[in-house]
Amino acid sequence: MEFKETFRPESGELKNRIVNYWTKRSHKFGELREKEQVSETGLAWFAEIEQNIPSGKTLKILDAGCGTGMFSLMLSAAGHDTTGIDLTEHMILHARELAAKQHSSAKFYCMDAENPDFPDNTFDMVITRNLTWTLPHVEEAYAQWFRVLKSGGILLNFDADYGHDSCNKDTSVLPPIHAHRSMPQEMLQECETIKSQLAISSKSRPSWDIRLLLNIGYEEVSADTSISARIYKDYDEFFNPTPMFLIRAVKP
């Protein structure tokens, strides 16, 4: 089945600004995620995912806002049918390069996670990492993911309350090889400017997300706010100083 790839949807100036920001970060981001995939941190991520999905089944998975495809590639290597989508064309190009390098069957499309071009009831799982904090219309995204999930399908959203954290904080407290240590000040400021224009930055998360998911119709909605301690055990280049959470929900 062919899916429409949308590089610059008619979604407004803010989305284009977000795409431009992540385009500038895509190359170094891809290098970092490639190393993370085979690291102890990558193994910890896979363990978190594995304990939240059915065992012994091949799942059809949508990786929304996949970036350079780390989750898609990991899950594909585990035998699942994975499709990654991202609004930033350069992220998808890097993801496809990594898929070819790893001889992966994962598929990647440049597509808006707020409006994925898939039929209803397509996927057994939607997974996403560090995406919802960047979306102008999170409500639409959650509703669309509900639409494309099959009955009994699982949503796993790994994110953090980045809206209440500052990109301009002192980066000297981070590990010397951390990506944010080498980011130009103008890029850090651009991140802050974008966040200030996103409604989700003012929400109290993950409690806000939970209420929204229940209103949409998801069931078994829960939040795990202790995952950072299990994933970021080492103070290294993958370390995330902002506490992450996992939101898990099921489509009835």
C-alpha atoms as a PDB file:
ATOM      1  CA  MET A   1       0.000   0.000   0.000  1.00  0.00           C
ATOM      2  CA  GLU A   2       1.310   3.447  -0.906  1.00  0.00           C
ATOM      3  CA  PHE A   3       1.111   6.323   1.548  1.00  0.00           C
ATOM      4  CA  LYS A   4       1.267  10.003   0.784  1.00  0.00           C
ATOM      5  CA  GLU A   5       4.480  11.700   1.880  1.00  0.00           C
ATOM      6  CA  THR A   6       4.010  15.290   2.965  1.00  0.00           C
ATOM      7  CA  PHE A   7       7.169  17.362   3.329  1.00  0.00           C
ATOM      8  CA  ARG A   8       5.628  20.771   4.001  1.00  0.00           C
ATOM      9  CA  PRO A   9       1.918  20.453   4.780  1.00  0.00           C
ATOM     10  CA  GLU A  10      -0.283  23.506   4.903  1.00  0.00           C
ATOM     11  CA  SER A  11      -0.001  23.618   8.655  1.00  0.00           C
ATOM     12  CA  GLY A  12       1.185  27.137   9.324  1.00  0.00           C
ATOM     13  CA  GLU A  13       4.267  29.101  10.156  1.00  0.00           C
ATOM     14  CA  LEU A  14       4.889  27.487  13.545  1.00  0.00           C
ATOM     15  CA  LYS A  15       5.127  23.964  12.119  1.00  0.00           C
ATOM     16  CA  ASN A  16       7.504  25.172   9.426  1.00  0.00           C
ATOM     17  CA  ARG A  17       9.619  26.788  12.126  1.00  0.00           C
ATOM     18  CA  ILE A  18       9.680  23.511  14.065  1.00  0.00           C
ATOM     19  CA  VAL A  19      10.701  21.619  10.908  1.00  0.00           C
ATOM     20  CA  ASN A  20      13.518  24.109  10.246  1.00  0.00           C
ATOM     21  CA  TYR A  21      14.807  23.717  13.816  1.00  0.00           C
ATOM     22  CA  TRP A  22      14.925  19.919  13.639  1.00  0.00           C
ATOM     23  CA  THR A  23      16.377  19.986  10.118  1.00  0.00           C
ATOM     24  CA  LYS A  24      19.366  21.886  11.498  1.00  0.00           C
ATOM     25  CA  ARG A  25      19.765  19.286  14.246  1.00  0.00           C
ATOM     26  CA  SER A  26      19.099  16.188  12.130  1.00  0.00           C
ATOM     27  CA  HIS A  27      22.661  15.135  11.223  1.00  0.00           C
ATOM     28  CA  LYS A  28      24.153  15.168  14.729  1.00  0.00           C
ATOM     29  CA  PHE A  29      20.858  13.851  16.084  1.00  0.00           C
ATOM     30  CA  GLY A  30      21.124  10.866  13.739  1.00  0.00           C
ATOM     31  CA  GLU A  31      24.687  10.103  14.806  1.00  0.00           C
ATOM     32  CA  LEU A  32      23.684  10.220  18.476  1.00  0.00           C
ATOM     33  CA  ARG A  33      20.653   7.979  18.061  1.00  0.00           C
ATOM     34  CA  GLU A  34      22.663   5.438  16.059  1.00  0.00           C
ATOM     35  CA  LYS A  35      25.126   5.134  18.940  1.00  0.00           C
ATOM     36  CA  GLU A  36      22.340   5.080  21.522  1.00  0.00           C
ATOM     37  CA  GLN A  37      20.583   2.188  19.766  1.00  0.00           C
ATOM     38  CA  VAL A  38      23.443  -0.221  20.561  1.00  0.00           C
ATOM     39  CA  SER A  39      24.321   1.227  23.971  1.00  0.00           C
ATOM     40  CA  GLU A  40      23.237   0.205  27.463  1.00  0.00           C
ATOM     41  CA  THR A  41      20.757   3.085  27.296  1.00  0.00           C
ATOM     42  CA  GLY A  42      19.312   1.632  24.102  1.00  0.00           C
ATOM     43  CA  LEU A  43      18.924  -1.751  25.777  1.00  0.00           C
ATOM     44  CA  ALA A  44      17.146  -0.060  28.678  1.00  0.00           C
ATOM     45  CA  TRP A  45      14.748   1.646  26.255  1.00  0.00           C
ATOM     46  CA  PHE A  46      13.966  -1.681  24.605  1.00  0.00           C
ATOM     47  CA  ALA A  47      13.324  -3.295  27.998  1.00  0.00           C
ATOM     48  CA  GLU A  48      10.815  -0.548  28.869  1.00  0.00           C
ATOM     49  CA  ILE A  49       8.981  -1.076  25.598  1.00  0.00           C
ATOM     50  CA  GLU A  50       9.036  -4.862  25.784  1.00  0.00           C
ATOM     51  CA  GLN A  51       7.428  -5.023  29.216  1.00  0.00           C
ATOM     52  CA  ASN A  52       4.530  -2.872  28.013  1.00  0.00           C
ATOM     53  CA  ILE A  53       3.538  -4.866  24.931  1.00  0.00           C
ATOM     54  CA  PRO A  54       2.177  -8.406  24.381  1.00  0.00           C
ATOM     55  CA  SER A  55       4.884 -11.065  24.235  1.00  0.00           C
ATOM     56  CA  GLY A  56       5.172 -13.658  21.511  1.00  0.00           C
ATOM     57  CA  LYS A  57       3.255 -11.610  18.930  1.00  0.00           C
ATOM     58  CA  THR A  58       4.340  -9.823  15.777  1.00  0.00           C
ATOM     59  CA  LEU A  59       2.911  -6.313  16.024  1.00  0.00           C
ATOM     60  CA  LYS A  60       2.204  -3.735  13.359  1.00  0.00           C
ATOM     61  CA  ILE A  61       3.708  -0.597  14.892  1.00  0.00           C
ATOM     62  CA  LEU A  62       3.591   3.110  14.050  1.00  0.00           C
ATOM     63  CA  ASP A  63       6.548   5.108  15.382  1.00  0.00           C
ATOM     64  CA  ALA A  64       5.154   8.659  15.372  1.00  0.00           C
ATOM     65  CA  GLY A  65       7.732  11.426  15.238  1.00  0.00           C
ATOM     66  CA  CYS A  66      10.378   8.762  14.716  1.00  0.00           C
ATOM     67  CA  GLY A  67      13.290  11.137  14.182  1.00  0.00           C
ATOM     68  CA  THR A  68      16.105   9.076  12.683  1.00  0.00           C
ATOM     69  CA  GLY A  69      14.275   5.857  13.485  1.00  0.00           C
ATOM     70  CA  MET A  70      15.843   4.349  16.592  1.00  0.00           C
ATOM     71  CA  PHE A  71      12.649   2.802  17.980  1.00  0.00           C
ATOM     72  CA  SER A  72      11.522   1.617  14.530  1.00  0.00           C
ATOM     73  CA  LEU A  73      14.857  -0.063  13.876  1.00  0.00           C
ATOM     74  CA  MET A  74      15.010  -1.703  17.310  1.00  0.00           C
ATOM     75  CA  LEU A  75      11.485  -3.056  17.057  1.00  0.00           C
ATOM     76  CA  SER A  76      11.962  -4.196  13.479  1.00  0.00           C
ATOM     77  CA  ALA A  77      15.067  -6.130  14.545  1.00  0.00           C
ATOM     78  CA  ALA A  78      12.878  -7.812  17.178  1.00  0.00           C
ATOM     79  CA  GLY A  79      10.561  -9.078  14.424  1.00  0.00           C
ATOM     80  CA  HIS A  80       7.820  -6.433  14.385  1.00  0.00           C
ATOM     81  CA  ASP A  81       6.371  -4.702  11.310  1.00  0.00           C
ATOM     82  CA  THR A  82       7.388  -1.093  11.920  1.00  0.00           C
ATOM     83  CA  THR A  83       6.615   2.162  10.150  1.00  0.00           C
ATOM     84  CA  GLY A  84       8.218   5.441  11.197  1.00  0.00           C
ATOM     85  CA  ILE A  85       6.893   8.882  10.323  1.00  0.00           C
ATOM     86  CA  ASP A  86       8.353  12.317  10.919  1.00  0.00           C
ATOM     87  CA  LEU A  87       7.560  15.799   9.638  1.00  0.00           C
ATOM     88  CA  THR A  88      11.245  16.612   9.068  1.00  0.00           C
ATOM     89  CA  GLU A  89      12.446  15.319   5.713  1.00  0.00           C
ATOM     90  CA  HIS A  90      16.094  15.187   6.760  1.00  0.00           C
ATOM     91  CA  MET A  91      15.233  12.973   9.751  1.00  0.00           C
ATOM     92  CA  ILE A  92      13.515  10.519   7.419  1.00  0.00           C
ATOM     93  CA  LEU A  93      16.446  10.532   4.995  1.00  0.00           C
ATOM     94  CA  HIS A  94      18.812   9.656   7.857  1.00  0.00           C
ATOM     95  CA  ALA A  95      16.382   6.973   9.085  1.00  0.00           C
ATOM     96  CA  ARG A  96      16.325   5.364   5.640  1.00  0.00           C
ATOM     97  CA  GLU A  97      20.129   5.445   5.492  1.00  0.00           C
ATOM     98  CA  LEU A  98      20.335   3.684   8.850  1.00  0.00           C
ATOM     99  CA  ALA A  99      17.698   1.135   7.777  1.00  0.00           C
ATOM    100  CA  ALA A 100      19.749   0.293   4.688  1.00  0.00           C
ATOM    101  CA  LYS A 101      22.934   0.087   6.769  1.00  0.00           C
ATOM    102  CA  GLN A 102      21.256  -2.288   9.239  1.00  0.00           C
ATOM    103  CA  HIS A 103      19.413  -4.274   6.527  1.00  0.00           C
ATOM    104  CA  SER A 104      16.198  -3.389   8.318  1.00  0.00           C
ATOM    105  CA  SER A 105      12.686  -3.877   6.935  1.00  0.00           C
ATOM    106  CA  ALA A 106      11.455  -0.766   8.784  1.00  0.00           C
ATOM    107  CA  LYS A 107       9.647   1.701   6.532  1.00  0.00           C
ATOM    108  CA  PHE A 108       9.916   5.478   6.846  1.00  0.00           C
ATOM    109  CA  TYR A 109       7.712   8.279   5.515  1.00  0.00           C
ATOM    110  CA  CYS A 110       7.806  12.042   5.786  1.00  0.00           C
ATOM    111  CA  MET A 111       4.375  12.635   7.291  1.00  0.00           C
ATOM    112  CA  ASP A 112       2.625  14.812   9.864  1.00  0.00           C
ATOM    113  CA  ALA A 113       2.137  12.908  13.147  1.00  0.00           C
ATOM    114  CA  GLU A 114      -0.894  15.103  13.847  1.00  0.00           C
ATOM    115  CA  ASN A 115      -2.528  13.860  10.628  1.00  0.00           C
ATOM    116  CA  PRO A 116      -1.078  10.459   9.644  1.00  0.00           C
ATOM    117  CA  ASP A 117      -2.154   9.218   6.224  1.00  0.00           C
ATOM    118  CA  PHE A 118      -3.185   5.692   7.222  1.00  0.00           C
ATOM    119  CA  PRO A 119      -6.578   3.964   7.230  1.00  0.00           C
ATOM    120  CA  ASP A 120      -8.554   3.453  10.429  1.00  0.00           C
ATOM    121  CA  ASN A 121      -7.637   0.438  12.584  1.00  0.00           C
ATOM    122  CA  THR A 122      -4.219  -0.130  10.960  1.00  0.00           C
ATOM    123  CA  PHE A 123      -1.796  -0.558  13.870  1.00  0.00           C
ATOM    124  CA  ASP A 124      -1.452  -2.723  16.960  1.00  0.00           C
ATOM    125  CA  MET A 125       0.669  -0.050  18.626  1.00  0.00           C
ATOM    126  CA  VAL A 126       1.579   3.607  18.314  1.00  0.00           C
ATOM    127  CA  ILE A 127       4.833   4.526  20.003  1.00  0.00           C
ATOM    128  CA  THR A 128       6.431   7.924  20.327  1.00  0.00           C
ATOM    129  CA  ARG A 129       9.355   9.481  22.149  1.00  0.00           C
ATOM    130  CA  ASN A 130       9.917  13.166  22.847  1.00  0.00           C
ATOM    131  CA  LEU A 131       7.298  14.236  20.327  1.00  0.00           C
ATOM    132  CA  THR A 132       4.145  15.490  22.015  1.00  0.00           C
ATOM    133  CA  TRP A 133       5.947  18.411  23.697  1.00  0.00           C
ATOM    134  CA  THR A 134       6.744  19.749  20.179  1.00  0.00           C
ATOM    135  CA  LEU A 135       3.229  19.551  18.714  1.00  0.00           C
ATOM    136  CA  PRO A 136       0.996  22.597  18.146  1.00  0.00           C
ATOM    137  CA  HIS A 137      -2.153  20.414  18.170  1.00  0.00           C
ATOM    138  CA  VAL A 138      -1.599  17.542  20.594  1.00  0.00           C
ATOM    139  CA  GLU A 139      -5.333  16.899  20.905  1.00  0.00           C
ATOM    140  CA  GLU A 140      -5.512  16.158  17.171  1.00  0.00           C
ATOM    141  CA  ALA A 141      -2.507  13.850  17.369  1.00  0.00           C
ATOM    142  CA  TYR A 142      -3.948  11.785  20.229  1.00  0.00           C
ATOM    143  CA  ALA A 143      -7.289  11.533  18.389  1.00  0.00           C
ATOM    144  CA  GLN A 144      -5.624  10.493  15.137  1.00  0.00           C
ATOM    145  CA  TRP A 145      -3.529   7.844  16.878  1.00  0.00           C
ATOM    146  CA  PHE A 146      -6.745   6.512  18.423  1.00  0.00           C
ATOM    147  CA  ARG A 147      -8.217   6.337  14.916  1.00  0.00           C
ATOM    148  CA  VAL A 148      -5.347   4.369  13.365  1.00  0.00           C
ATOM    149  CA  LEU A 149      -5.080   1.932  16.298  1.00  0.00           C
ATOM    150  CA  LYS A 150      -6.926  -1.363  16.134  1.00  0.00           C
ATOM    151  CA  SER A 151      -9.278  -2.321  18.953  1.00  0.00           C
ATOM    152  CA  GLY A 152      -7.047  -3.408  21.809  1.00  0.00           C
ATOM    153  CA  GLY A 153      -4.162  -1.406  20.346  1.00  0.00           C
ATOM    154  CA  ILE A 154      -1.647   0.223  22.665  1.00  0.00           C
ATOM    155  CA  LEU A 155      -0.307   3.773  22.797  1.00  0.00           C
ATOM    156  CA  LEU A 156       3.101   4.252  24.416  1.00  0.00           C
ATOM    157  CA  ASN A 157       4.144   7.886  24.752  1.00  0.00           C
ATOM    158  CA  PHE A 158       7.576   8.569  26.251  1.00  0.00           C
ATOM    159  CA  ASP A 159       7.915  12.288  26.918  1.00  0.00           C
ATOM    160  CA  ALA A 160       8.770  14.902  29.549  1.00  0.00           C
ATOM    161  CA  ASP A 161       7.385  18.193  30.782  1.00  0.00           C
ATOM    162  CA  TYR A 162       9.905  20.152  28.719  1.00  0.00           C
ATOM    163  CA  GLY A 163       7.620  23.171  28.651  1.00  0.00           C
ATOM    164  CA  HIS A 164       8.503  23.827  32.294  1.00  0.00           C
ATOM    165  CA  ASP A 165      12.225  23.335  31.706  1.00  0.00           C
ATOM    166  CA  SER A 166      14.542  25.853  30.093  1.00  0.00           C
ATOM    167  CA  CYS A 167      16.706  25.238  27.048  1.00  0.00           C
ATOM    168  CA  ASN A 168      18.866  28.135  28.217  1.00  0.00           C
ATOM    169  CA  LYS A 169      19.820  26.624  31.551  1.00  0.00           C
ATOM    170  CA  ASP A 170      23.485  26.149  32.408  1.00  0.00           C
ATOM    171  CA  THR A 171      24.717  23.356  30.120  1.00  0.00           C
ATOM    172  CA  SER A 172      27.991  23.054  32.047  1.00  0.00           C
ATOM    173  CA  VAL A 173      26.195  20.683  34.438  1.00  0.00           C
ATOM    174  CA  LEU A 174      25.784  18.209  31.564  1.00  0.00           C
ATOM    175  CA  PRO A 175      28.390  15.592  30.592  1.00  0.00           C
ATOM    176  CA  PRO A 176      31.227  17.115  28.498  1.00  0.00           C
ATOM    177  CA  ILE A 177      30.225  15.108  25.387  1.00  0.00           C
ATOM    178  CA  HIS A 178      26.506  15.895  25.685  1.00  0.00           C
ATOM    179  CA  ALA A 179      24.910  17.276  22.491  1.00  0.00           C
ATOM    180  CA  HIS A 180      23.501  20.349  24.243  1.00  0.00           C
ATOM    181  CA  ARG A 181      26.991  21.398  25.330  1.00  0.00           C
ATOM    182  CA  SER A 182      27.955  22.024  21.694  1.00  0.00           C
ATOM    183  CA  MET A 183      24.667  23.554  20.515  1.00  0.00           C
ATOM    184  CA  PRO A 184      24.978  27.215  19.461  1.00  0.00           C
ATOM    185  CA  GLN A 185      23.232  29.679  21.744  1.00  0.00           C
ATOM    186  CA  GLU A 186      20.949  30.759  18.911  1.00  0.00           C
ATOM    187  CA  MET A 187      19.679  27.191  18.580  1.00  0.00           C
ATOM    188  CA  LEU A 188      18.956  26.973  22.300  1.00  0.00           C
ATOM    189  CA  GLN A 189      17.125  30.297  22.084  1.00  0.00           C
ATOM    190  CA  GLU A 190      15.146  29.101  19.064  1.00  0.00           C
ATOM    191  CA  CYS A 191      14.003  26.073  21.072  1.00  0.00           C
ATOM    192  CA  GLU A 192      12.813  28.393  23.860  1.00  0.00           C
ATOM    193  CA  THR A 193      10.993  30.634  21.368  1.00  0.00           C
ATOM    194  CA  ILE A 194       9.186  27.683  19.803  1.00  0.00           C
ATOM    195  CA  LYS A 195       8.190  26.290  23.207  1.00  0.00           C
ATOM    196  CA  SER A 196       6.738  29.666  24.213  1.00  0.00           C
ATOM    197  CA  GLN A 197       4.320  29.433  21.272  1.00  0.00           C
ATOM    198  CA  LEU A 198       3.109  25.907  22.054  1.00  0.00           C
ATOM    199  CA  ALA A 199      -0.002  25.543  24.201  1.00  0.00           C
ATOM    200  CA  ILE A 200       1.251  22.263  25.662  1.00  0.00           C
ATOM    201  CA  SER A 201       4.152  24.118  27.316  1.00  0.00           C
ATOM    202  CA  SER A 202       1.722  25.595  29.819  1.00  0.00           C
ATOM    203  CA  LYS A 203       0.056  22.295  30.732  1.00  0.00           C
ATOM    204  CA  SER A 204       0.773  20.213  33.813  1.00  0.00           C
ATOM    205  CA  ARG A 205       1.995  16.935  32.434  1.00  0.00           C
ATOM    206  CA  PRO A 206       1.347  14.029  32.388  1.00  0.00           C
ATOM    207  CA  SER A 207      -1.923  14.652  34.288  1.00  0.00           C
ATOM    208  CA  TRP A 208      -3.212  16.877  31.474  1.00  0.00           C
ATOM    209  CA  ASP A 209      -2.491  14.156  28.913  1.00  0.00           C
ATOM    210  CA  ILE A 210      -4.284  11.529  30.984  1.00  0.00           C
ATOM    211  CA  ARG A 211      -7.480  13.594  31.172  1.00  0.00           C
ATOM    212  CA  LEU A 212      -7.335  14.236  27.432  1.00  0.00           C
ATOM    213  CA  LEU A 213      -6.806  10.589  26.542  1.00  0.00           C
ATOM    214  CA  LEU A 214      -9.739   9.506  28.703  1.00  0.00           C
ATOM    215  CA  ASN A 215     -11.954  12.116  27.042  1.00  0.00           C
ATOM    216  CA  ILE A 216     -10.974  10.831  23.596  1.00  0.00           C
ATOM    217  CA  GLY A 217     -11.971   7.308  24.585  1.00  0.00           C
ATOM    218  CA  TYR A 218      -8.763   5.531  25.550  1.00  0.00           C
ATOM    219  CA  GLU A 219      -8.943   3.085  28.442  1.00  0.00           C
ATOM    220  CA  GLU A 220      -6.418   1.703  30.944  1.00  0.00           C
ATOM    221  CA  VAL A 221      -4.621   5.058  30.872  1.00  0.00           C
ATOM    222  CA  SER A 222      -1.644   5.243  33.212  1.00  0.00           C
ATOM    223  CA  ALA A 223       1.534   7.243  33.718  1.00  0.00           C
ATOM    224  CA  ASP A 224       4.895   6.006  34.958  1.00  0.00           C
ATOM    225  CA  THR A 225       7.052   8.890  36.180  1.00  0.00           C
ATOM    226  CA  SER A 226       9.960   6.734  37.344  1.00  0.00           C
ATOM    227  CA  ILE A 227      11.387   5.652  33.986  1.00  0.00           C
ATOM    228  CA  SER A 228      14.338   8.079  33.896  1.00  0.00           C
ATOM    229  CA  ALA A 229      15.987   6.310  36.825  1.00  0.00           C
ATOM    230  CA  ARG A 230      15.831   3.017  34.914  1.00  0.00           C
ATOM    231  CA  ILE A 231      16.978   4.357  31.544  1.00  0.00           C
ATOM    232  CA  TYR A 232      19.560   7.033  32.353  1.00  0.00           C
ATOM    233  CA  LYS A 233      21.779   5.120  34.741  1.00  0.00           C
ATOM    234  CA  ASP A 234      24.963   6.608  33.287  1.00  0.00           C
ATOM    235  CA  TYR A 235      25.929  10.260  33.188  1.00  0.00           C
ATOM    236  CA  ASP A 236      26.920  10.134  29.525  1.00  0.00           C
ATOM    237  CA  GLU A 237      26.124  11.658  26.131  1.00  0.00           C
ATOM    238  CA  PHE A 238      22.615  10.136  26.170  1.00  0.00           C
ATOM    239  CA  PHE A 239      21.712  11.503  29.602  1.00  0.00           C
ATOM    240  CA  ASN A 240      18.481  13.495  29.821  1.00  0.00           C
ATOM    241  CA  PRO A 241      18.347  15.856  32.811  1.00  0.00           C
ATOM    242  CA  THR A 242      14.575  16.413  32.465  1.00  0.00           C
ATOM    243  CA  PRO A 243      12.571  13.629  34.198  1.00  0.00           C
ATOM    244  CA  MET A 244      10.703  11.574  31.632  1.00  0.00           C
ATOM    245  CA  PHE A 245       7.383   9.781  31.929  1.00  0.00           C
ATOM    246  CA  LEU A 246       5.638   6.977  30.070  1.00  0.00           C
ATOM    247  CA  ILE A 247       1.954   7.315  29.258  1.00  0.00           C
ATOM    248  CA  ARG A 248       0.335   4.004  28.353  1.00  0.00           C
ATOM    249  CA  ALA A 249      -3.205   3.779  27.006  1.00  0.00           C
ATOM    250  CA  VAL A 250      -5.371   1.222  25.212  1.00  0.00           C
ATOM    251  CA  LYS A 251      -8.036   1.621  22.549  1.00  0.00           C
ATOM    252  CA  PRO A 252     -11.112  -0.396  23.627  1.00  0.00           C
END
